[in-house]
Amino acid sequence: MIFSIFCFYLNIKILSLKLETIKVKLVFFVLLNILLIYAYVVALRGHFTYNALRASSYEFSTIKAFNEISTNPLMAFSWAYKEYKNQQEFKSVDIKQLNHN
């Protein structure tokens, strides 16, 4: 509750600031936004190479509903696609072995 009040107060202070207009080139502006989006993603989800949830062990709760919403859709789709690709690989069968039965 105290943190909410602090955030509200800070937001009002920031919005009431009188700032000068700054001229920024479009390329720099786009690169800065991409950098900020990357920083937000790292802060919220961890680095791109870090993956705490695995397809084999993503269940962390005894409540099924929590486990179903724990993975993000892109990660779940990636796991499903990998499984689909793995199912398409069949081992070759020697015809001579089939004739002996």
Protein backbone atom coordinates (compact mmCIF):
# COMPACT_ATOMS: atom_id res chain seq x y z
CA MET A 1 0.00 0.00 0.00
CA ILE A 2 2.80 2.40 0.89
CA PHE A 3 4.64 1.55 -2.33
CA SER A 4 1.46 2.30 -4.32
CA ILE A 5 1.16 5.71 -2.74
CA PHE A 6 4.83 6.41 -3.41
CA CYS A 7 4.44 5.40 -7.10
CA PHE A 8 1.37 7.62 -7.45
CA TYR A 9 3.24 10.56 -5.87
CA LEU A 10 6.29 9.99 -8.07
CA ASN A 11 4.12 9.76 -11.18
CA ILE A 12 2.45 13.10 -10.41
CA LYS A 13 5.85 14.73 -9.86
CA ILE A 14 7.23 13.39 -13.15
CA LEU A 15 4.16 14.44 -15.13
CA SER A 16 4.29 17.97 -13.72
CA LEU A 17 7.91 18.59 -14.81
CA LYS A 18 8.47 21.26 -17.44
CA LEU A 19 11.07 19.83 -19.81
CA GLU A 20 12.69 21.34 -22.88
CA THR A 21 12.09 19.79 -26.30
CA ILE A 22 15.08 17.76 -27.51
CA LYS A 23 15.81 17.12 -31.19
CA VAL A 24 16.87 13.48 -31.70
CA LYS A 25 17.64 11.73 -34.97
CA LEU A 26 15.17 9.00 -35.89
CA VAL A 27 17.85 6.27 -36.06
CA PHE A 28 19.11 7.09 -32.57
CA PHE A 29 15.53 7.19 -31.27
CA VAL A 30 14.74 3.74 -32.72
CA LEU A 31 17.97 2.23 -31.37
CA LEU A 32 17.32 3.70 -27.94
CA ASN A 33 13.82 2.24 -27.89
CA ILE A 34 15.12 -1.20 -28.90
CA LEU A 35 17.71 -0.99 -26.12
CA LEU A 36 15.04 -0.04 -23.58
CA ILE A 37 12.74 -2.87 -24.69
CA TYR A 38 15.65 -5.31 -24.32
CA ALA A 39 16.36 -3.95 -20.82
CA TYR A 40 12.70 -4.39 -19.84
CA VAL A 41 12.65 -7.97 -21.12
CA VAL A 42 15.84 -8.83 -19.24
CA ALA A 43 14.49 -7.24 -16.08
CA LEU A 44 11.15 -9.05 -16.28
CA ARG A 45 12.01 -12.48 -17.70
CA GLY A 46 15.77 -12.88 -17.38
CA HIS A 47 18.36 -13.05 -20.13
CA PHE A 48 17.40 -14.73 -23.43
CA THR A 49 19.77 -17.64 -22.81
CA TYR A 50 18.30 -18.30 -19.35
CA ASN A 51 15.30 -20.60 -19.30
CA ALA A 52 14.13 -21.70 -15.86
CA LEU A 53 11.22 -23.71 -17.24
CA ARG A 54 11.94 -26.79 -19.29
CA ALA A 55 9.48 -28.80 -21.36
CA SER A 56 10.25 -31.86 -19.27
CA SER A 57 9.83 -30.13 -15.90
CA TYR A 58 7.60 -27.09 -16.10
CA GLU A 59 5.24 -28.20 -13.32
CA PHE A 60 6.01 -26.36 -10.12
CA SER A 61 2.66 -26.59 -8.35
CA THR A 62 0.23 -29.30 -7.35
CA ILE A 63 -2.57 -27.13 -8.74
CA LYS A 64 -3.02 -27.95 -12.43
CA ALA A 65 -4.34 -24.50 -13.39
CA PHE A 66 -1.14 -22.79 -12.15
CA ASN A 67 1.00 -25.17 -14.18
CA GLU A 68 -1.03 -24.52 -17.34
CA ILE A 69 -0.59 -20.75 -17.16
CA SER A 70 3.07 -20.86 -16.04
CA THR A 71 4.56 -21.04 -19.54
CA ASN A 72 4.24 -18.24 -21.98
CA PRO A 73 2.59 -19.11 -25.32
CA LEU A 74 5.73 -18.65 -27.41
CA MET A 75 7.70 -21.03 -25.21
CA ALA A 76 4.91 -23.62 -25.26
CA PHE A 77 4.65 -23.36 -29.06
CA SER A 78 8.42 -23.81 -29.35
CA TRP A 79 8.26 -26.98 -27.24
CA ALA A 80 5.36 -28.35 -29.27
CA TYR A 81 7.14 -27.60 -32.56
CA LYS A 82 10.30 -29.38 -31.40
CA GLU A 83 8.24 -32.44 -30.41
CA TYR A 84 6.50 -32.37 -33.79
CA LYS A 85 9.86 -32.25 -35.58
CA ASN A 86 11.18 -35.15 -33.47
CA GLN A 87 8.17 -37.30 -34.35
CA GLN A 88 8.91 -36.94 -38.07
CA GLU A 89 12.27 -38.70 -37.77
CA PHE A 90 11.84 -42.44 -38.25
CA LYS A 91 14.63 -44.96 -38.04
CA SER A 92 15.28 -46.95 -41.16
CA VAL A 93 14.20 -50.59 -41.12
CA ASP A 94 16.16 -53.34 -42.81
CA ILE A 95 13.81 -55.28 -45.15
CA LYS A 96 15.82 -58.49 -44.66
CA GLN A 97 14.96 -58.47 -40.96
CA LEU A 98 11.26 -58.18 -41.80
CA ASN A 99 11.36 -61.22 -44.12
CA HIS A 100 12.75 -63.54 -41.42
CA ASN A 101 9.62 -63.26 -39.29
